[in-house]
Amino acid sequence: MAAPAREGSPAASEPVLPAKYWFPLLVAALVSGAILVVSEISARDFRHQRSELRQAMAVQAKLVELEKLVAEAASGERGYLLTRRAEFLEPYRRSLGQLRAVREQLRDLAAQDRAMRERLADLNELVTLAFAAYQKSIERAAAGDFEAARALIEGDDNLQRTRKLDEQFAQARNLAEQAVAARAAGWQDTLESSRSAILATVGMVAVLIAILALLLIRDTRRARENAAIQASFAVRMNREVAERTAELSALSESLQTRTEEEKAQLARELHDELGGILTPAKMDVNWLEGRLGSDPEVGERLARLAKLLDSGIDVKRRIIENLRPSLLDHLGLPAALHWHVEETCKAAGLEFSLACSEGLERLTPDLEIALYRIVQESLTNIVKHARAKRVEVTVERTSDGLAVSVRDDGEGMSEEAASSLSFGIGGMRQRLGAVGGTLTLQSAPGEGTHVRAFVPSDRSRPRT
């Protein structure tokens, strides 16, 4: 069983959405559903009314077409009887050919209208009799008996049939017009009903929107007041953070400067003190070797002592150079980098190349030591982690400033591996930032690592 929410916790004190919001939203959702239902019903009714209206108009159009066929057939018959020319029979033949299709279409269209079906049954019977009379008179005229043919069309039976046919067409047209009018009225009624329903639902939605707007306006005012308080607090906190950051940066720069000064002081003391001890000791050993060389055992021990003194002198030199490279102070950055890169890569078995811009001027001491330490730290990381075979170091003076690049062909680093070196990389960035430069690191698994330090022209001025 789930544990009850503790008193004062967010889950117990305040719901995710207050009731003043979700209740109007729920009603709005229900109203929107009602609008959707009304729209669907209205659309269905519109489709039905449109279909019936279209069908009624089609019946009306076919009645006109049927009446036209009858009129053209009668005109062709009379023209032939009057002129005795066969080309006047063409309208009759054309009407006779289209008659069956038009009657079938009328029958299909009126299949759902009982009154129209009955009217069409009487009309079709009269049309059949009319065409039979046209055919009979044409056949007699074709046999040469034009008088008998004219007597057929001028007789009382034909006149009475023509009158009935006109009456049936008029009644059918009237019935079709009534059907069209009824369908149009139904369409209009459906439109008005749909409009009324939509207006009612839209009105309800408008009321709910107004309620929500009032609630939001009130809460927005409160939120603005809270935001103003929080903004004031944030400004104060940002100011304090900026001040503390500036203090920490200044402290870091001061510590780095102090550290370099202490390293330089220690290097000088080691050079002076150890040099004053080891160099005379080496000279004394050499003097003793010249006078005690007849004793093999003594000579062997003196030779071993000389080697130990040479190793001590070499260790002293390396310690001093690591603390504060003397080449950097005397010959400048290119010479110091060449010595350090060569020493480090030879010791680690790495191929290397070092390229410096021709005639690179001497830089300010703090900039030279910062760039030297960047290369030193980068090489240390390569030797420890990269498993590289080759290292490329370049120092290039451009129109924008001074760029120092260290690139290797090692395994590269993922984001997780780079995070493990974040303190070292952060230290390099901090050191370079103290002299106005920036540090970028590009690396990916299997693609090596590229460290680039850049100092703009206004911060990389030559030493005066």
Protein backbone atom coordinates (compact mmCIF):
# COMPACT_ATOMS: atom_id res chain seq x y z
CA MET A 1 0.00 0.00 0.00
CA ALA A 2 1.36 3.40 -0.97
CA ALA A 3 2.48 5.60 1.88
CA PRO A 4 0.36 8.69 2.46
CA ALA A 5 1.78 12.01 1.35
CA ARG A 6 3.52 13.87 4.11
CA GLU A 7 1.93 16.97 5.43
CA GLY A 8 3.40 20.07 3.85
CA SER A 9 4.79 18.21 0.82
CA PRO A 10 4.02 19.60 -2.69
CA ALA A 11 1.78 16.64 -3.50
CA ALA A 12 -0.36 17.24 -0.43
CA SER A 13 -0.40 21.03 -0.39
CA GLU A 14 -1.21 21.94 -3.99
CA PRO A 15 -2.63 19.99 -6.93
CA VAL A 16 -0.95 20.07 -10.33
CA LEU A 17 -3.80 22.17 -11.76
CA PRO A 18 -6.16 24.12 -9.51
CA ALA A 19 -9.86 23.46 -9.76
CA LYS A 20 -10.50 27.04 -10.88
CA TYR A 21 -8.65 26.13 -14.08
CA TRP A 22 -9.49 22.52 -14.75
CA PHE A 23 -13.24 22.86 -14.20
CA PRO A 24 -13.73 25.54 -16.93
CA LEU A 25 -11.37 23.56 -19.14
CA LEU A 26 -13.42 20.43 -18.57
CA VAL A 27 -16.61 22.27 -19.45
CA ALA A 28 -14.88 23.77 -22.50
CA ALA A 29 -13.79 20.28 -23.54
CA LEU A 30 -17.38 19.02 -23.22
CA VAL A 31 -18.67 21.99 -25.20
CA SER A 32 -16.02 21.38 -27.85
CA GLY A 33 -17.18 17.78 -28.04
CA ALA A 34 -20.74 19.04 -28.44
CA ILE A 35 -19.60 21.36 -31.25
CA LEU A 36 -17.93 18.41 -32.92
CA VAL A 37 -21.09 16.29 -32.63
CA VAL A 38 -23.25 19.13 -33.96
CA SER A 39 -20.86 19.70 -36.81
CA GLU A 40 -20.89 16.02 -37.75
CA ILE A 41 -24.69 15.84 -37.59
CA SER A 42 -25.01 19.04 -39.60
CA ALA A 43 -22.52 17.77 -42.16
CA ARG A 44 -24.49 14.54 -42.50
CA ASP A 45 -27.74 16.44 -42.90
CA PHE A 46 -26.16 18.78 -45.43
CA ARG A 47 -24.90 15.85 -47.47
CA HIS A 48 -28.30 14.22 -47.40
CA GLN A 49 -30.13 17.43 -48.35
CA ARG A 50 -27.58 18.18 -51.05
CA SER A 51 -28.00 14.71 -52.51
CA GLU A 52 -31.79 15.02 -52.57
CA LEU A 53 -31.62 18.56 -54.00
CA ARG A 54 -29.20 17.44 -56.68
CA GLN A 55 -31.45 14.50 -57.52
CA ALA A 56 -34.54 16.74 -57.75
CA MET A 57 -32.70 19.17 -60.00
CA ALA A 58 -31.49 16.26 -62.14
CA VAL A 59 -35.11 15.07 -62.55
CA GLN A 60 -36.09 18.59 -63.55
CA ALA A 61 -33.27 18.76 -66.09
CA LYS A 62 -34.14 15.37 -67.58
CA LEU A 63 -37.79 16.38 -67.94
CA VAL A 64 -36.66 19.42 -69.91
CA GLU A 65 -34.44 17.18 -72.00
CA LEU A 66 -37.28 14.72 -72.65
CA GLU A 67 -39.62 17.54 -73.64
CA LYS A 68 -36.94 18.87 -75.94
CA LEU A 69 -36.59 15.47 -77.61
CA VAL A 70 -40.35 15.30 -78.20
CA ALA A 71 -40.37 18.82 -79.63
CA GLU A 72 -37.43 18.11 -81.93
CA ALA A 73 -39.07 14.89 -83.15
CA ALA A 74 -42.35 16.73 -83.89
CA SER A 75 -40.45 19.53 -85.64
CA GLY A 76 -38.54 17.04 -87.78
CA GLU A 77 -41.75 15.25 -88.74
CA ARG A 78 -43.55 18.45 -89.77
CA GLY A 79 -40.54 19.75 -91.65
CA TYR A 80 -40.36 16.56 -93.68
CA LEU A 81 -44.06 16.58 -94.46
CA LEU A 82 -43.96 20.23 -95.52
CA THR A 83 -40.77 20.14 -97.58
CA ARG A 84 -40.60 16.45 -98.50
CA ARG A 85 -36.84 16.65 -97.95
CA ALA A 86 -35.17 13.74 -96.12
CA GLU A 87 -32.64 15.93 -94.22
CA PHE A 88 -35.49 17.30 -92.09
CA LEU A 89 -35.83 13.81 -90.58
CA GLU A 90 -32.44 14.09 -88.88
CA PRO A 91 -33.81 15.76 -85.66
CA TYR A 92 -36.44 13.03 -85.47
CA ARG A 93 -33.89 10.24 -85.78
CA ARG A 94 -31.58 11.87 -83.24
CA SER A 95 -34.43 12.28 -80.74
CA LEU A 96 -35.53 8.70 -81.30
CA GLY A 97 -31.99 7.46 -80.63
CA GLN A 98 -31.71 9.39 -77.34
CA LEU A 99 -35.24 8.74 -76.13
CA ARG A 100 -34.65 5.39 -74.45
CA ALA A 101 -31.60 6.53 -72.47
CA VAL A 102 -33.34 9.68 -71.21
CA ARG A 103 -36.42 7.76 -70.11
CA GLU A 104 -34.31 5.20 -68.23
CA GLN A 105 -32.37 7.96 -66.49
CA LEU A 106 -35.63 9.63 -65.47
CA ARG A 107 -36.94 6.36 -64.13
CA ASP A 108 -33.78 5.78 -62.04
CA LEU A 109 -33.74 9.33 -60.68
CA ALA A 110 -37.41 9.16 -59.62
CA ALA A 111 -37.14 5.72 -58.07
CA GLN A 112 -37.61 7.10 -54.53
CA ASP A 113 -40.42 9.56 -55.42
CA ARG A 114 -43.75 7.76 -55.76
CA ALA A 115 -45.68 10.74 -57.11
CA MET A 116 -43.05 11.43 -59.73
CA ARG A 117 -42.96 7.74 -60.72
CA GLU A 118 -46.70 7.72 -61.33
CA ARG A 119 -46.51 10.98 -63.29
CA LEU A 120 -43.66 9.65 -65.40
CA ALA A 121 -45.57 6.44 -66.14
CA ASP A 122 -48.45 8.45 -67.69
CA LEU A 123 -45.99 10.76 -69.45
CA ASN A 124 -43.98 7.89 -70.93
CA GLU A 125 -47.16 6.28 -72.27
CA LEU A 126 -48.11 9.50 -74.07
CA VAL A 127 -44.56 9.95 -75.36
CA THR A 128 -44.66 6.41 -76.75
CA LEU A 129 -47.98 7.10 -78.51
CA ALA A 130 -46.64 10.40 -79.88
CA PHE A 131 -43.53 8.80 -81.37
CA ALA A 132 -45.66 5.97 -82.79
CA ALA A 133 -47.87 8.58 -84.53
CA TYR A 134 -44.73 10.39 -85.83
CA GLN A 135 -43.41 7.13 -87.18
CA LYS A 136 -46.72 6.27 -88.84
CA SER A 137 -47.06 9.62 -90.58
CA ILE A 138 -43.42 9.51 -91.73
CA GLU A 139 -43.88 6.01 -93.15
CA ARG A 140 -46.97 7.13 -95.16
CA ALA A 141 -45.13 10.19 -96.41
CA ALA A 142 -42.20 8.03 -97.39
CA ALA A 143 -44.66 5.84 -99.38
CA GLY A 144 -45.76 8.98 -101.25
CA ASP A 145 -49.12 9.46 -99.53
CA PHE A 146 -48.44 12.92 -98.08
CA GLU A 147 -52.12 13.78 -97.87
CA ALA A 148 -52.81 10.83 -95.57
CA ALA A 149 -49.75 11.72 -93.51
CA ARG A 150 -50.91 15.32 -93.06
CA ALA A 151 -54.37 14.05 -92.17
CA LEU A 152 -52.83 12.02 -89.33
CA ILE A 153 -51.06 14.98 -87.77
CA GLU A 154 -53.98 17.34 -88.30
CA GLY A 155 -56.59 14.94 -86.95
CA ASP A 156 -58.44 15.35 -83.68
CA ASP A 157 -56.70 12.34 -82.09
CA ASN A 158 -53.26 13.82 -82.69
CA LEU A 159 -54.36 17.26 -81.46
CA GLN A 160 -55.88 15.74 -78.33
CA ARG A 161 -52.77 13.61 -77.70
CA THR A 162 -50.52 16.64 -78.13
CA ARG A 163 -52.64 18.62 -75.67
CA LYS A 164 -52.50 15.80 -73.09
CA LEU A 165 -48.76 15.48 -73.60
CA ASP A 166 -48.30 19.20 -72.95
CA GLU A 167 -50.43 18.95 -69.84
CA GLN A 168 -48.45 15.95 -68.56
CA PHE A 169 -45.16 17.76 -69.15
CA ALA A 170 -46.49 20.82 -67.33
CA GLN A 171 -47.65 18.73 -64.38
CA ALA A 172 -44.34 16.84 -64.27
CA ARG A 173 -42.39 20.10 -64.37
CA ASN A 174 -44.55 21.52 -61.61
CA LEU A 175 -44.01 18.40 -59.51
CA ALA A 176 -40.23 18.62 -60.10
CA GLU A 177 -40.20 22.29 -59.18
CA GLN A 178 -42.07 21.52 -55.98
CA ALA A 179 -39.52 18.81 -55.15
CA VAL A 180 -36.64 21.21 -55.77
CA ALA A 181 -38.29 23.88 -53.64
CA ALA A 182 -38.91 21.37 -50.84
CA ARG A 183 -35.29 20.18 -50.93
CA ALA A 184 -34.05 23.79 -50.94
CA ALA A 185 -36.27 24.59 -47.97
CA GLY A 186 -34.93 21.52 -46.15
CA TRP A 187 -31.38 22.67 -46.93
CA GLN A 188 -32.16 26.11 -45.50
CA ASP A 189 -33.77 24.62 -42.38
CA THR A 190 -30.75 22.41 -41.80
CA LEU A 191 -28.45 25.40 -42.26
CA GLU A 192 -30.41 27.49 -39.76
CA SER A 193 -30.50 24.65 -37.22
CA SER A 194 -26.79 24.06 -37.54
CA ARG A 195 -26.08 27.78 -37.26
CA SER A 196 -28.21 28.09 -34.14
CA ALA A 197 -26.53 25.12 -32.48
CA ILE A 198 -23.07 26.36 -33.33
CA LEU A 199 -23.87 29.89 -32.11
CA ALA A 200 -25.14 28.49 -28.83
CA THR A 201 -22.06 26.35 -28.25
CA VAL A 202 -19.72 29.14 -29.34
CA GLY A 203 -21.46 31.45 -26.90
CA MET A 204 -20.83 28.99 -24.08
CA VAL A 205 -17.19 28.71 -25.09
CA ALA A 206 -16.90 32.51 -25.16
CA VAL A 207 -18.25 32.67 -21.61
CA LEU A 208 -15.78 30.04 -20.44
CA ILE A 209 -12.93 31.85 -22.20
CA ALA A 210 -13.92 35.07 -20.47
CA ILE A 211 -13.87 33.30 -17.10
CA LEU A 212 -10.47 31.80 -17.81
CA ALA A 213 -9.18 35.17 -19.04
CA LEU A 214 -10.21 36.83 -15.79
CA LEU A 215 -8.53 34.09 -13.78
CA LEU A 216 -5.39 34.31 -15.88
CA ILE A 217 -5.27 38.10 -15.59
CA ARG A 218 -5.46 37.88 -11.82
CA ASP A 219 -2.83 35.12 -11.65
CA THR A 220 -0.64 36.96 -14.16
CA ARG A 221 -0.61 40.01 -11.93
CA ARG A 222 0.42 37.87 -9.01
CA ALA A 223 3.03 36.12 -11.14
CA ARG A 224 4.45 39.48 -12.24
CA GLU A 225 4.73 40.59 -8.64
CA ASN A 226 6.49 37.33 -7.74
CA ALA A 227 8.68 37.61 -10.85
CA ALA A 228 9.69 41.13 -9.88
CA ILE A 229 10.67 39.92 -6.43
CA GLN A 230 12.56 36.96 -7.89
CA ALA A 231 14.23 39.18 -10.50
CA SER A 232 15.44 41.52 -7.81
CA PHE A 233 16.73 38.55 -5.86
CA ALA A 234 18.32 37.08 -9.00
CA VAL A 235 20.04 40.39 -9.80
CA ARG A 236 21.43 40.53 -6.30
CA MET A 237 22.56 36.90 -6.45
CA ASN A 238 24.09 37.34 -9.92
CA ARG A 239 25.96 40.39 -8.70
CA GLU A 240 27.25 38.46 -5.72
CA VAL A 241 28.17 35.48 -7.91
CA ALA A 242 29.97 37.79 -10.37
CA GLU A 243 31.87 39.42 -7.51
CA ARG A 244 32.79 36.05 -6.02
CA THR A 245 33.79 34.74 -9.47
CA ALA A 246 35.93 37.78 -10.09
CA GLU A 247 37.54 37.34 -6.69
CA LEU A 248 38.18 33.64 -7.34
CA SER A 249 39.60 34.41 -10.79
CA ALA A 250 41.84 37.08 -9.37
CA LEU A 251 42.88 34.70 -6.59
CA SER A 252 43.58 31.94 -9.11
CA GLU A 253 45.64 34.28 -11.27
CA SER A 254 47.49 35.48 -8.20
CA LEU A 255 48.15 31.90 -7.07
CA GLN A 256 49.40 30.94 -10.52
CA THR A 257 51.67 33.98 -10.64
CA ARG A 258 52.89 33.29 -7.11
CA THR A 259 53.44 29.63 -7.96
CA GLU A 260 55.50 30.51 -11.03
CA GLU A 261 57.51 32.99 -8.99
CA GLU A 262 58.13 30.40 -6.28
CA LYS A 263 59.10 27.83 -8.90
CA ALA A 264 61.53 30.31 -10.45
CA GLN A 265 62.94 31.15 -7.02
CA LEU A 266 63.28 27.45 -6.16
CA ALA A 267 64.93 26.77 -9.53
CA ARG A 268 67.45 29.52 -8.90
CA GLU A 269 68.17 28.25 -5.41
CA LEU A 270 68.58 24.67 -6.65
CA HIS A 271 70.85 25.89 -9.41
CA ASP A 272 72.95 27.94 -7.06
CA GLU A 273 73.00 25.59 -4.07
CA LEU A 274 73.17 22.21 -5.78
CA GLY A 275 75.36 23.60 -8.52
CA GLY A 276 77.73 24.89 -5.87
CA ILE A 277 77.85 21.43 -4.28
CA LEU A 278 77.77 19.05 -7.26
CA THR A 279 80.12 20.90 -9.58
CA PRO A 280 83.06 21.09 -7.11
CA ALA A 281 82.38 17.47 -6.09
CA LYS A 282 82.63 16.47 -9.73
CA MET A 283 85.89 18.37 -10.07
CA ASP A 284 87.31 16.71 -6.94
CA VAL A 285 86.36 13.28 -8.21
CA ASN A 286 88.09 13.98 -11.47
CA TRP A 287 91.17 15.16 -9.52
CA LEU A 288 91.16 11.99 -7.43
CA GLU A 289 90.84 9.81 -10.51
CA GLY A 290 94.04 11.31 -11.84
CA ARG A 291 96.02 10.55 -8.69
CA LEU A 292 94.57 7.24 -7.53
CA GLY A 293 94.21 5.51 -10.83
CA SER A 294 96.81 2.83 -9.98
CA ASP A 295 94.37 1.06 -7.62
CA PRO A 296 91.67 -0.70 -9.71
CA GLU A 297 89.16 -0.92 -6.91
CA VAL A 298 89.55 2.74 -6.01
CA GLY A 299 89.35 3.70 -9.68
CA GLU A 300 86.15 1.70 -10.12
CA ARG A 301 84.54 3.33 -7.12
CA LEU A 302 85.61 6.79 -8.29
CA ALA A 303 84.14 6.09 -11.75
CA ARG A 304 80.86 4.97 -10.12
CA LEU A 305 80.87 8.11 -7.98
CA ALA A 306 81.46 10.23 -11.09
CA LYS A 307 78.47 8.63 -12.79
CA LEU A 308 76.32 9.25 -9.74
CA LEU A 309 77.40 12.87 -9.70
CA ASP A 310 76.59 13.16 -13.42
CA SER A 311 73.14 11.65 -12.75
CA GLY A 312 72.62 14.08 -9.90
CA ILE A 313 73.61 17.00 -12.10
CA ASP A 314 71.22 15.74 -14.82
CA VAL A 315 68.39 15.31 -12.29
CA LYS A 316 69.11 18.80 -10.98
CA ARG A 317 68.97 20.18 -14.50
CA ARG A 318 65.66 18.43 -15.28
CA ILE A 319 64.08 19.54 -12.02
CA ILE A 320 65.19 23.11 -12.61
CA GLU A 321 63.93 23.07 -16.18
CA ASN A 322 60.57 21.68 -15.07
CA LEU A 323 60.28 24.29 -12.36
CA ARG A 324 61.29 27.18 -14.58
CA PRO A 325 62.84 26.47 -17.99
CA SER A 326 65.94 28.58 -18.32
CA LEU A 327 65.64 28.48 -22.10
CA LEU A 328 62.33 30.31 -21.80
CA ASP A 329 63.98 33.19 -19.97
CA HIS A 330 67.08 33.37 -22.13
CA LEU A 331 66.04 32.29 -25.66
CA GLY A 332 62.26 32.59 -25.72
CA LEU A 333 59.24 30.37 -26.31
CA PRO A 334 60.31 28.51 -29.52
CA ALA A 335 63.62 27.30 -28.05
CA ALA A 336 61.99 26.25 -24.76
CA LEU A 337 59.22 24.38 -26.56
CA HIS A 338 61.67 22.65 -28.89
CA TRP A 339 63.72 21.39 -25.93
CA HIS A 340 60.70 20.25 -23.91
CA VAL A 341 58.88 18.58 -26.84
CA GLU A 342 62.06 16.78 -27.90
CA GLU A 343 62.89 15.61 -24.38
CA THR A 344 59.33 14.44 -23.61
CA CYS A 345 58.69 12.69 -26.94
CA LYS A 346 62.05 10.93 -26.97
CA ALA A 347 61.47 9.69 -23.43
CA ALA A 348 57.97 8.41 -24.40
CA GLY A 349 59.04 7.02 -27.80
CA LEU A 350 56.80 9.39 -29.79
CA GLU A 351 57.41 10.84 -33.22
CA PHE A 352 57.05 14.60 -33.19
CA SER A 353 57.18 17.72 -35.30
CA LEU A 354 57.47 21.32 -34.14
CA ALA A 355 56.75 24.28 -36.42
CA CYS A 356 57.12 27.91 -35.35
CA SER A 357 56.50 31.05 -37.35
CA GLU A 358 59.68 32.59 -38.67
CA GLY A 359 61.08 35.42 -36.59
CA LEU A 360 58.63 35.00 -33.72
CA GLU A 361 59.29 37.89 -31.36
CA ARG A 362 59.80 37.63 -27.62
CA LEU A 363 56.57 37.83 -25.64
CA THR A 364 55.77 39.04 -22.18
CA PRO A 365 56.97 36.64 -19.44
CA ASP A 366 53.47 35.79 -18.19
CA LEU A 367 52.30 34.95 -21.73
CA GLU A 368 55.38 32.85 -22.53
CA ILE A 369 55.10 30.79 -19.35
CA ALA A 370 51.32 30.36 -19.85
CA LEU A 371 51.75 29.01 -23.40
CA TYR A 372 54.67 26.83 -22.30
CA ARG A 373 52.58 25.30 -19.50
CA ILE A 374 49.69 24.65 -21.95
CA VAL A 375 52.02 22.62 -24.18
CA GLN A 376 53.57 20.92 -21.14
CA GLU A 377 50.18 19.87 -19.75
CA SER A 378 48.99 18.71 -23.18
CA LEU A 379 52.07 16.52 -23.67
CA THR A 380 51.66 15.07 -20.19
CA ASN A 381 48.07 14.07 -21.00
CA ILE A 382 49.16 12.57 -24.34
CA VAL A 383 51.86 10.46 -22.73
CA LYS A 384 49.55 9.26 -19.93
CA HIS A 385 46.26 8.70 -21.76
CA ALA A 386 46.35 9.08 -25.54
CA ARG A 387 48.40 6.03 -26.64
CA ALA A 388 49.51 8.14 -29.57
CA LYS A 389 52.34 7.52 -32.03
CA ARG A 390 52.88 11.04 -33.28
CA VAL A 391 52.53 14.57 -31.91
CA GLU A 392 52.43 17.82 -33.89
CA VAL A 393 53.10 21.15 -32.18
CA THR A 394 52.72 24.45 -34.04
CA VAL A 395 53.22 28.05 -32.96
CA GLU A 396 51.79 30.46 -35.50
CA ARG A 397 51.60 34.24 -35.56
CA THR A 398 48.54 35.35 -37.55
CA SER A 399 46.99 38.72 -38.29
CA ASP A 400 44.48 38.08 -35.51
CA GLY A 401 46.88 36.95 -32.83
CA LEU A 402 49.09 34.08 -31.67
CA ALA A 403 47.96 30.44 -31.90
CA VAL A 404 49.61 27.41 -30.27
CA SER A 405 48.33 23.99 -31.35
CA VAL A 406 49.05 20.49 -30.00
CA ARG A 407 47.62 17.60 -32.06
CA ASP A 408 48.03 13.84 -31.60
CA ASP A 409 46.89 10.72 -33.46
CA GLY A 410 45.88 8.83 -30.34
CA GLU A 411 42.65 7.18 -29.25
CA GLY A 412 40.85 10.44 -28.67
CA MET A 413 38.35 11.04 -25.90
CA SER A 414 34.64 10.62 -25.38
CA GLU A 415 32.66 13.11 -23.31
CA GLU A 416 33.00 10.85 -20.26
CA ALA A 417 36.77 10.62 -20.66
CA ALA A 418 37.04 14.37 -21.19
CA SER A 419 35.10 14.94 -17.97
CA SER A 420 37.78 13.00 -16.06
CA LEU A 421 40.30 15.58 -17.29
CA SER A 422 38.03 18.52 -16.56
CA PHE A 423 40.22 19.86 -13.76
CA GLY A 424 43.33 19.84 -15.91
CA ILE A 425 41.54 21.36 -18.88
CA GLY A 426 39.87 23.89 -16.60
CA GLY A 427 43.25 24.80 -15.17
CA MET A 428 44.64 25.38 -18.67
CA ARG A 429 41.66 27.55 -19.57
CA GLN A 430 42.05 29.51 -16.36
CA ARG A 431 45.76 30.01 -16.97
CA LEU A 432 45.18 31.13 -20.54
CA GLY A 433 42.24 33.33 -19.57
CA ALA A 434 44.51 35.22 -17.20
CA VAL A 435 46.50 36.49 -20.22
CA GLY A 436 43.39 37.20 -22.33
CA GLY A 437 43.43 33.98 -24.37
CA THR A 438 41.02 31.13 -25.09
CA LEU A 439 41.44 27.37 -25.18
CA THR A 440 39.55 24.93 -27.40
CA LEU A 441 39.68 21.14 -27.30
CA GLN A 442 38.45 18.89 -30.09
CA SER A 443 38.43 15.12 -29.65
CA ALA A 444 36.48 12.03 -30.59
CA PRO A 445 37.10 8.31 -30.05
CA GLY A 446 39.58 7.08 -32.65
CA GLU A 447 40.25 10.54 -34.10
CA GLY A 448 42.93 11.89 -31.78
CA THR A 449 42.89 15.13 -29.79
CA HIS A 450 43.54 18.72 -30.81
CA VAL A 451 44.26 21.39 -28.21
CA ARG A 452 44.45 24.96 -29.50
CA ALA A 453 45.37 28.03 -27.48
CA PHE A 454 44.76 31.44 -29.02
CA VAL A 455 45.71 34.88 -27.75
CA PRO A 456 44.39 37.89 -29.71
CA SER A 457 46.77 40.49 -31.09
CA ASP A 458 45.98 43.12 -28.48
CA ARG A 459 46.99 40.69 -25.69
CA SER A 460 49.98 39.02 -27.41
CA ARG A 461 52.18 42.08 -27.87
CA PRO A 462 55.94 41.50 -28.10
CA ARG A 463 58.16 42.22 -25.14
CA THR A 464 59.41 45.82 -25.04
